Amino acid sequence: MRDLAREAGVYRVHLARVFRKIEKRTPGEYQQRLQVRAACELLHDPEWSLVVIAAECGFADQSHFTRVFRKLTGTTPAQFRRILAPHAARA
């Protein structure tokens, strides 16, 4: 946020307030949604381990990845991958 605010020439607090008003979520919540969306794409490939996906998508560790993923999707990354497995076999 600091870098974005500097680029925009506004205070960080102002940018966060405007962002929240427009997006109806905090910048952090928005970022987590983007991270989970990217992780969902990677979960289609069984060659990628959950640890590697967590790191690739910017989570602190697999535990953090699982907590955020469950909070936003209602399921764990492993459960999500199992749901995808029958569909991946047809692709």
Protein backbone atom coordinates (compact mmCIF):
# COMPACT_ATOMS: atom_id res chain seq x y z
CA MET A 1 0.00 0.00 0.00
CA ARG A 2 2.84 2.34 0.82
CA ASP A 3 4.30 2.03 -2.68
CA LEU A 4 0.90 2.38 -4.36
CA ALA A 5 0.07 5.45 -2.28
CA ARG A 6 3.42 7.00 -3.14
CA GLU A 7 2.83 6.32 -6.86
CA ALA A 8 -0.64 7.88 -6.63
CA GLY A 9 0.64 10.83 -4.62
CA VAL A 10 -1.76 10.27 -1.72
CA TYR A 11 -1.51 9.15 1.89
CA ARG A 12 -1.65 5.40 2.51
CA VAL A 13 -4.65 5.74 4.84
CA HIS A 14 -6.56 7.74 2.23
CA LEU A 15 -5.82 5.15 -0.46
CA ALA A 16 -6.96 2.31 1.81
CA ARG A 17 -10.16 4.17 2.69
CA VAL A 18 -11.01 4.86 -0.96
CA PHE A 19 -10.13 1.30 -1.94
CA ARG A 20 -12.44 -0.10 0.72
CA LYS A 21 -15.27 2.21 -0.31
CA ILE A 22 -15.02 1.12 -3.96
CA GLU A 23 -14.17 -2.57 -3.55
CA LYS A 24 -16.22 -3.22 -0.37
CA ARG A 25 -13.19 -5.00 1.15
CA THR A 26 -9.79 -4.05 2.47
CA PRO A 27 -6.72 -4.18 0.25
CA GLY A 28 -5.52 -7.16 2.30
CA GLU A 29 -8.77 -9.05 1.74
CA TYR A 30 -8.56 -8.27 -1.97
CA GLN A 31 -4.99 -9.55 -2.11
CA GLN A 32 -5.96 -12.77 -0.33
CA ARG A 33 -8.72 -13.38 -2.87
CA LEU A 34 -6.21 -12.95 -5.70
CA GLN A 35 -3.82 -15.37 -3.98
CA VAL A 36 -6.54 -17.99 -3.52
CA ARG A 37 -7.67 -17.57 -7.13
CA ALA A 38 -4.11 -18.19 -8.32
CA ALA A 39 -3.84 -21.20 -6.00
CA CYS A 40 -7.05 -22.68 -7.43
CA GLU A 41 -5.49 -22.64 -10.88
CA LEU A 42 -2.35 -24.38 -9.62
CA LEU A 43 -4.35 -26.98 -7.70
CA HIS A 44 -5.53 -28.39 -11.05
CA ASP A 45 -2.02 -29.79 -11.57
CA PRO A 46 -1.29 -32.70 -9.19
CA GLU A 47 2.44 -32.26 -9.83
CA TRP A 48 2.41 -29.10 -7.70
CA SER A 49 2.61 -29.83 -3.96
CA LEU A 50 0.56 -27.75 -1.54
CA VAL A 51 3.76 -26.38 0.01
CA VAL A 52 5.00 -25.16 -3.37
CA ILE A 53 1.61 -23.68 -4.27
CA ALA A 54 1.51 -21.84 -0.93
CA ALA A 55 4.96 -20.34 -1.56
CA GLU A 56 4.24 -19.55 -5.22
CA CYS A 57 1.06 -17.69 -4.30
CA GLY A 58 2.70 -15.63 -1.57
CA PHE A 59 1.47 -17.31 1.61
CA ALA A 60 3.77 -17.43 4.63
CA ASP A 61 3.51 -21.23 4.81
CA GLN A 62 1.15 -24.12 4.06
CA SER A 63 -0.75 -23.63 7.33
CA HIS A 64 -1.46 -19.97 6.49
CA PHE A 65 -2.46 -21.01 2.96
CA THR A 66 -4.91 -23.61 4.31
CA ARG A 67 -6.45 -21.18 6.84
CA VAL A 68 -7.02 -18.43 4.27
CA PHE A 69 -8.19 -20.88 1.59
CA ARG A 70 -10.74 -22.44 3.97
CA LYS A 71 -11.95 -19.02 5.14
CA LEU A 72 -12.62 -17.88 1.58
CA THR A 73 -13.82 -21.11 -0.05
CA GLY A 74 -15.25 -23.20 2.77
CA THR A 75 -12.92 -26.09 1.99
CA THR A 76 -9.23 -26.90 2.28
CA PRO A 77 -6.83 -26.91 -0.67
CA ALA A 78 -6.49 -30.71 -0.41
CA GLN A 79 -10.27 -31.19 -0.45
CA PHE A 80 -10.57 -28.78 -3.37
CA ARG A 81 -7.95 -30.78 -5.27
CA ARG A 82 -9.81 -34.06 -4.59
CA ILE A 83 -13.01 -32.51 -5.95
CA LEU A 84 -11.12 -31.51 -9.10
CA ALA A 85 -9.52 -34.94 -9.61
CA PRO A 86 -12.41 -36.57 -11.54
CA HIS A 87 -12.65 -33.49 -13.78
CA ALA A 88 -8.91 -33.37 -14.41
CA ALA A 89 -8.93 -36.98 -15.63
CA ARG A 90 -11.41 -36.03 -18.38
CA ALA A 91 -9.41 -33.03 -19.55
